[in-house]
Amino acid sequence: MLINRFAGALYSSLVFAACASFFLLPGCGQRYTALEPGRDHEPRIMGATYMTRNNPFFEVVHEGISSVVEGNGDILISRDPSQNQEKQNEQIQEMIDEGIEVLFLNPVDWKTVTPALEACREAGVVVINVDTAVKEQEYVVTLIETDNYQAGVLCAEDMMRRVEKARIVILDNPIQMSITQRVQGFLDTIEGHDGYEVVYQKKSDGEFEVGAANMTEFLGMDIDFDVVLGGNDPDALGAFSALQQAGYEKDVLIYGIDGSPDFKAMILEGEVTGSSAQSPGTLGRTAAETAYQYLNGEEIEPYISIAPFMINIDNIGEYNVNDWE
């Protein structure tokens, strides 16, 4: 069965050029030494934590960060909280105790991550917020993310070009701001168009298994629908799996957000409709490069946005199906 193949696939020293002087990191109370070109340096320790590693997207983000950090002769350690914010807070404290100077943070819950942010501030740890926002932005140096709102807009616009009316299922995750913003972009775009109606909306954690379970639950309600919006690609692919397992035969437009290789392959097969794509490798590399710019005393923007783009059957031939963009 097609989905079985894709479900399995889903989860399957540069030194700083500056004078040998000290500079103070604003608000952190900790000093770093800018090294002369060619001098060896004691490797910095940096930390990374993502809401889950049960999503290939975050593996690619991590690879992007790691390539820059290790390329600078430094060390990157990471933790997997498995969608548990209390666990993530504990793991951040562990990394602080291990001596991290920078934390790349993708929070489980944008609000209840705050105690960990307070701990970082107290320890003088620089926080780079990646992919989805924390509520208390004053604790982070910068937020680097795809324009999640626009990603939702792109899905809505593509849907509206294809159908004049729709009954829509949305799989979201209210505690994850990236998905919340995507859904809001979608909803704002269809607002005022009476032909488009949301008939079901459910928290799916951005994970394949939860998306499948929620879709199965919805099918049991016997409510007509013809569009599914997943908060990310795993959500949408989980929904597709449930539809296939149930033998659902009506035509359904299925949208994801990520542009993952698995989803692109399904677009090519004609099984799903489209994905607002982002580049996790670019996201990771940008986050790490921005961290080094900050450590070098350069002024950085408090918000860095990377534009998404729609991939569908009309343009799938322009993209590499076997890899992330």
Protein backbone atom coordinates (compact mmCIF):
# COMPACT_ATOMS: atom_id res chain seq x y z
CA MET A 1 0.00 0.00 0.00
CA LEU A 2 1.41 3.40 -0.98
CA ILE A 3 1.00 4.94 2.41
CA ASN A 4 2.98 2.21 4.15
CA ARG A 5 6.04 3.13 2.18
CA PHE A 6 5.72 6.80 3.03
CA ALA A 7 4.76 6.27 6.65
CA GLY A 8 7.94 4.25 7.11
CA ALA A 9 10.01 6.89 5.37
CA LEU A 10 8.60 9.60 7.57
CA TYR A 11 10.10 8.24 10.77
CA SER A 12 12.66 6.37 9.64
CA SER A 13 37.89 25.20 12.68
CA LEU A 14 36.75 28.30 11.55
CA VAL A 15 37.88 30.78 14.18
CA PHE A 16 36.57 34.33 14.52
CA ALA A 17 38.36 37.15 12.65
CA ALA A 18 38.58 40.06 15.04
CA CYS A 19 40.98 41.80 17.35
CA ALA A 20 42.01 40.03 20.56
CA SER A 21 39.69 42.00 22.79
CA PHE A 22 36.64 41.34 24.91
CA PHE A 23 33.11 42.46 24.23
CA LEU A 24 30.00 42.24 26.34
CA LEU A 25 26.88 40.42 25.13
CA PRO A 26 23.93 42.76 25.77
CA GLY A 27 21.72 41.66 28.63
CA CYS A 28 23.68 38.50 29.34
CA GLY A 29 26.42 39.55 31.72
CA GLN A 30 28.94 37.19 30.11
CA ARG A 31 32.07 38.00 28.09
CA TYR A 32 33.45 36.24 25.05
CA THR A 33 36.89 36.53 23.50
CA ALA A 34 37.27 37.39 19.85
CA LEU A 35 40.22 35.32 18.60
CA GLU A 36 42.93 36.28 16.18
CA PRO A 37 42.77 34.52 12.79
CA GLY A 38 44.64 31.22 12.85
CA ARG A 39 44.64 30.84 16.64
CA ASP A 40 43.24 27.71 18.20
CA HIS A 41 40.41 28.23 20.64
CA GLU A 42 38.69 26.32 23.35
CA PRO A 43 35.58 24.84 21.66
CA ARG A 44 32.36 26.52 22.64
CA ILE A 45 29.50 24.28 23.68
CA MET A 46 26.11 25.03 22.15
CA GLY A 47 22.79 23.33 22.73
CA ALA A 48 19.78 22.57 20.57
CA THR A 49 16.32 21.36 21.47
CA TYR A 50 13.32 20.81 19.23
CA MET A 51 9.76 19.96 20.25
CA THR A 52 10.29 16.47 18.83
CA ARG A 53 12.80 14.55 16.76
CA ASN A 54 9.92 12.36 15.53
CA ASN A 55 9.69 14.58 12.47
CA PRO A 56 12.31 14.57 9.68
CA PHE A 57 11.99 18.35 9.38
CA PHE A 58 13.81 18.87 12.68
CA GLU A 59 16.54 16.42 11.72
CA VAL A 60 17.33 18.63 8.73
CA VAL A 61 17.17 21.81 10.84
CA HIS A 62 19.62 20.17 13.24
CA GLU A 63 21.95 19.17 10.41
CA GLY A 64 21.97 22.78 9.22
CA ILE A 65 22.87 24.10 12.67
CA SER A 66 25.43 21.35 13.26
CA SER A 67 27.22 21.97 9.95
CA VAL A 68 27.94 25.57 10.93
CA VAL A 69 28.78 24.91 14.60
CA GLU A 70 31.11 22.00 13.88
CA GLY A 71 32.59 23.92 10.96
CA ASN A 72 33.63 26.54 13.50
CA GLY A 73 35.35 23.90 15.62
CA ASP A 74 32.67 24.03 18.31
CA ILE A 75 30.43 21.43 19.93
CA LEU A 76 26.66 21.02 19.55
CA ILE A 77 24.69 18.93 22.03
CA SER A 78 20.96 18.28 21.72
CA ARG A 79 17.95 16.89 23.55
CA ASP A 80 14.59 15.46 22.48
CA PRO A 81 11.68 16.35 24.80
CA SER A 82 9.17 14.30 22.78
CA GLN A 83 6.46 16.99 22.84
CA ASN A 84 6.71 17.42 26.64
CA GLN A 85 7.41 21.00 27.74
CA GLU A 86 8.22 20.08 31.34
CA LYS A 87 10.80 17.63 30.04
CA GLN A 88 12.18 20.24 27.64
CA ASN A 89 12.61 22.72 30.49
CA GLU A 90 14.50 20.10 32.51
CA GLN A 91 16.70 19.23 29.54
CA ILE A 92 17.52 22.89 28.93
CA GLN A 93 18.67 23.17 32.54
CA GLU A 94 20.83 20.07 32.01
CA MET A 95 22.47 21.70 29.00
CA ILE A 96 23.03 24.91 30.96
CA ASP A 97 24.75 22.79 33.62
CA GLU A 98 26.91 21.26 30.88
CA GLY A 99 28.16 24.74 29.99
CA ILE A 100 26.34 25.77 26.84
CA GLU A 101 26.87 29.37 25.71
CA VAL A 102 24.15 29.36 23.03
CA LEU A 103 20.79 27.57 22.91
CA PHE A 104 18.92 26.95 19.65
CA LEU A 105 15.35 26.62 20.88
CA ASN A 106 12.25 25.24 19.20
CA PRO A 107 9.71 25.12 22.05
CA VAL A 108 7.03 22.52 22.68
CA ASP A 109 4.70 25.10 24.24
CA TRP A 110 5.28 28.76 23.46
CA LYS A 111 4.06 29.87 26.91
CA THR A 112 5.27 27.30 29.45
CA VAL A 113 8.82 27.34 28.10
CA THR A 114 9.30 30.65 29.98
CA PRO A 115 11.01 29.13 33.11
CA ALA A 116 13.69 27.70 30.83
CA LEU A 117 14.16 31.09 29.19
CA GLU A 118 14.56 32.66 32.63
CA ALA A 119 17.18 30.04 33.49
CA CYS A 120 19.08 30.84 30.30
CA ARG A 121 19.07 34.55 31.07
CA GLU A 122 20.33 33.92 34.59
CA ALA A 123 23.14 31.74 33.24
CA GLY A 124 24.08 34.19 30.46
CA VAL A 125 23.08 31.77 27.70
CA VAL A 126 22.26 33.32 24.32
CA VAL A 127 18.90 32.02 23.03
CA ILE A 128 18.21 31.75 19.30
CA ASN A 129 14.52 30.99 18.78
CA VAL A 130 14.04 28.71 15.76
CA ASP A 131 10.98 27.85 13.64
CA THR A 132 8.22 28.56 16.15
CA ALA A 133 8.01 31.52 18.52
CA VAL A 134 8.18 31.68 22.29
CA LYS A 135 5.67 34.04 23.87
CA GLU A 136 8.21 36.06 25.86
CA GLN A 137 10.38 37.34 23.01
CA GLU A 138 12.40 39.59 25.33
CA TYR A 139 14.31 36.49 26.45
CA VAL A 140 15.62 35.65 22.97
CA VAL A 141 18.16 37.38 20.77
CA THR A 142 16.23 36.69 17.58
CA LEU A 143 13.42 34.61 16.14
CA ILE A 144 14.22 32.86 12.86
CA GLU A 145 11.32 31.19 11.10
CA THR A 146 9.54 30.58 7.85
CA ASP A 147 6.72 33.07 7.28
CA ASN A 148 4.15 30.67 8.73
CA TYR A 149 1.18 32.96 8.22
CA GLN A 150 1.98 33.22 4.51
CA ALA A 151 2.32 29.43 4.32
CA GLY A 152 -1.33 29.16 5.35
CA VAL A 153 -2.31 31.86 2.88
CA LEU A 154 -0.66 29.92 0.05
CA CYS A 155 -2.63 26.76 0.87
CA ALA A 156 -5.91 28.69 0.96
CA GLU A 157 -5.18 30.45 -2.31
CA ASP A 158 -4.33 27.20 -4.05
CA MET A 159 -7.53 25.59 -2.74
CA MET A 160 -9.65 28.55 -3.86
CA ARG A 161 -8.21 28.30 -7.38
CA ARG A 162 -9.28 24.66 -7.54
CA VAL A 163 -12.74 24.70 -5.96
CA GLU A 164 -15.40 27.39 -5.57
CA LYS A 165 -16.68 25.94 -2.28
CA ALA A 166 -15.36 23.48 0.29
CA ARG A 167 -16.07 21.80 3.60
CA ILE A 168 -12.73 21.80 5.38
CA VAL A 169 -11.04 19.69 8.04
CA ILE A 170 -8.15 21.38 9.87
CA LEU A 171 -5.57 19.51 11.94
CA ASP A 172 -3.77 22.06 14.10
CA ASN A 173 -1.76 22.48 17.30
CA PRO A 174 -2.71 25.56 19.36
CA ILE A 175 0.35 25.43 21.64
CA GLN A 176 2.71 25.59 18.64
CA MET A 177 2.78 29.11 17.25
CA SER A 178 4.08 28.12 13.83
CA ILE A 179 1.05 25.91 13.19
CA THR A 180 -1.31 28.42 14.81
CA GLN A 181 -0.05 31.12 12.43
CA ARG A 182 -0.41 28.81 9.42
CA VAL A 183 -4.01 28.03 10.31
CA GLN A 184 -4.72 31.72 10.90
CA GLY A 185 -3.31 32.64 7.50
CA PHE A 186 -5.57 30.02 5.92
CA LEU A 187 -8.66 31.15 7.84
CA ASP A 188 -8.08 34.84 7.14
CA THR A 189 -7.79 34.12 3.43
CA ILE A 190 -11.11 32.27 3.19
CA GLU A 191 -12.90 34.71 5.49
CA GLY A 192 -15.77 36.48 3.75
CA HIS A 193 -16.11 33.73 1.13
CA ASP A 194 -19.30 31.95 2.08
CA GLY A 195 -18.58 28.85 0.03
CA TYR A 196 -15.75 27.75 2.34
CA GLU A 197 -16.66 26.24 5.71
CA VAL A 198 -14.54 24.61 8.41
CA VAL A 199 -16.49 21.55 9.62
CA TYR A 200 -13.89 20.05 11.99
CA GLN A 201 -10.76 21.32 13.72
CA LYS A 202 -8.63 19.19 16.06
CA LYS A 203 -5.24 19.37 17.81
CA SER A 204 -2.89 16.89 16.17
CA ASP A 205 0.53 17.76 17.65
CA GLY A 206 2.07 17.96 14.19
CA GLU A 207 2.62 14.20 14.17
CA PHE A 208 1.65 11.50 11.68
CA GLU A 209 0.07 9.09 14.17
CA VAL A 210 -2.04 11.76 15.86
CA GLY A 211 -3.20 13.15 12.53
CA ALA A 212 -4.24 9.65 11.46
CA ALA A 213 -6.10 9.04 14.72
CA ASN A 214 -7.94 12.35 14.51
CA MET A 215 -8.94 11.74 10.91
CA THR A 216 -10.21 8.28 11.79
CA GLU A 217 -12.26 9.80 14.62
CA PHE A 218 -13.71 12.40 12.26
CA LEU A 219 -14.66 9.82 9.64
CA GLY A 220 -16.74 8.11 12.31
CA MET A 221 -18.84 11.30 12.62
CA ASP A 222 -20.12 10.85 9.05
CA ILE A 223 -19.73 14.55 8.16
CA ASP A 224 -19.28 15.54 4.53
CA PHE A 225 -15.96 17.19 3.66
CA ASP A 226 -13.69 17.64 0.67
CA VAL A 227 -10.56 19.46 1.91
CA VAL A 228 -7.98 18.64 4.63
CA LEU A 229 -5.42 21.16 5.87
CA GLY A 230 -2.64 19.68 7.98
CA GLY A 231 -0.68 21.97 10.26
CA ASN A 232 2.39 20.34 8.75
CA ASP A 233 3.16 17.50 6.33
CA PRO A 234 3.05 14.70 8.94
CA ASP A 235 -0.45 15.80 10.01
CA ALA A 236 -1.64 15.79 6.41
CA LEU A 237 -0.03 12.45 5.59
CA GLY A 238 -1.58 10.96 8.72
CA ALA A 239 -4.96 12.13 7.47
CA PHE A 240 -4.29 10.59 4.08
CA SER A 241 -3.34 7.30 5.72
CA ALA A 242 -6.63 7.24 7.65
CA LEU A 243 -8.60 7.97 4.49
CA GLN A 244 -6.85 5.20 2.62
CA GLN A 245 -7.25 2.69 5.44
CA ALA A 246 -10.96 3.52 5.61
CA GLY A 247 -11.34 3.06 1.85
CA TYR A 248 -12.66 6.59 1.46
CA GLU A 249 -13.33 7.04 -2.23
CA LYS A 250 -14.50 10.64 -2.60
CA ASP A 251 -12.09 13.19 -4.02
CA VAL A 252 -10.38 15.17 -1.23
CA LEU A 253 -7.87 18.00 -1.57
CA ILE A 254 -5.11 17.43 1.00
CA TYR A 255 -2.69 20.22 1.95
CA GLY A 256 0.41 20.03 4.10
CA ILE A 257 3.03 22.57 5.11
CA ASP A 258 6.76 21.70 4.94
CA GLY A 259 7.56 20.45 1.44
CA SER A 260 9.05 17.21 2.79
CA PRO A 261 10.37 14.56 0.40
CA ASP A 262 7.57 12.20 1.48
CA PHE A 263 4.87 14.74 0.72
CA LYS A 264 6.42 15.72 -2.61
CA ALA A 265 6.48 12.07 -3.64
CA MET A 266 2.78 11.83 -2.80
CA ILE A 267 2.08 14.96 -4.86
CA LEU A 268 3.88 13.32 -7.77
CA GLU A 269 1.69 10.23 -7.34
CA GLY A 270 -1.42 12.41 -7.36
CA GLU A 271 -2.42 11.31 -3.85
CA VAL A 272 -2.21 14.74 -2.15
CA THR A 273 -2.68 18.26 -3.46
CA GLY A 274 0.05 20.62 -2.31
CA SER A 275 2.41 21.79 0.41
CA SER A 276 3.59 25.25 1.39
CA ALA A 277 7.26 24.42 1.41
CA GLN A 278 10.05 25.65 3.60
CA SER A 279 13.75 24.90 3.72
CA PRO A 280 14.77 23.44 7.10
CA GLY A 281 18.42 23.32 6.08
CA THR A 282 18.38 27.04 5.32
CA LEU A 283 16.55 27.66 8.60
CA GLY A 284 19.21 25.78 10.59
CA ARG A 285 22.19 27.32 8.85
CA THR A 286 20.73 30.81 9.18
CA ALA A 287 20.14 30.27 12.90
CA ALA A 288 23.72 29.14 13.51
CA GLU A 289 25.29 31.85 11.34
CA THR A 290 23.21 34.47 13.16
CA ALA A 291 24.41 33.13 16.51
CA TYR A 292 28.03 33.58 15.47
CA GLN A 293 27.35 37.07 14.17
CA TYR A 294 25.91 37.94 17.56
CA LEU A 295 28.85 36.43 19.41
CA ASN A 296 31.14 38.49 17.18
CA GLY A 297 29.40 41.65 18.34
CA GLU A 298 27.51 42.28 15.12
CA GLU A 299 24.04 43.80 15.23
CA ILE A 300 21.35 41.32 14.18
CA GLU A 301 17.67 41.63 13.42
CA PRO A 302 15.26 40.55 16.18
CA TYR A 303 13.13 38.77 13.58
CA ILE A 304 14.34 36.94 10.48
CA SER A 305 11.69 35.58 8.12
CA ILE A 306 12.19 33.07 5.29
CA ALA A 307 9.53 33.01 2.56
CA PRO A 308 7.57 29.79 1.88
CA PHE A 309 6.54 28.61 -1.59
CA MET A 310 3.77 26.36 -2.89
CA ILE A 311 4.59 22.98 -4.40
CA ASN A 312 1.75 21.21 -6.22
CA ILE A 313 1.19 18.97 -9.21
CA ASP A 314 1.60 21.96 -11.52
CA ASN A 315 5.22 22.61 -10.55
CA ILE A 316 6.43 19.44 -8.82
CA GLY A 317 8.79 18.80 -11.76
CA GLU A 318 10.81 21.86 -10.75
CA TYR A 319 11.78 20.34 -7.39
CA ASN A 320 13.90 17.48 -6.09
CA VAL A 321 11.40 14.93 -4.85
CA ASN A 322 14.02 12.96 -2.94
CA ASP A 323 15.31 15.75 -0.71
CA TRP A 324 14.31 18.89 1.16
CA GLU A 325 14.51 22.19 -0.65
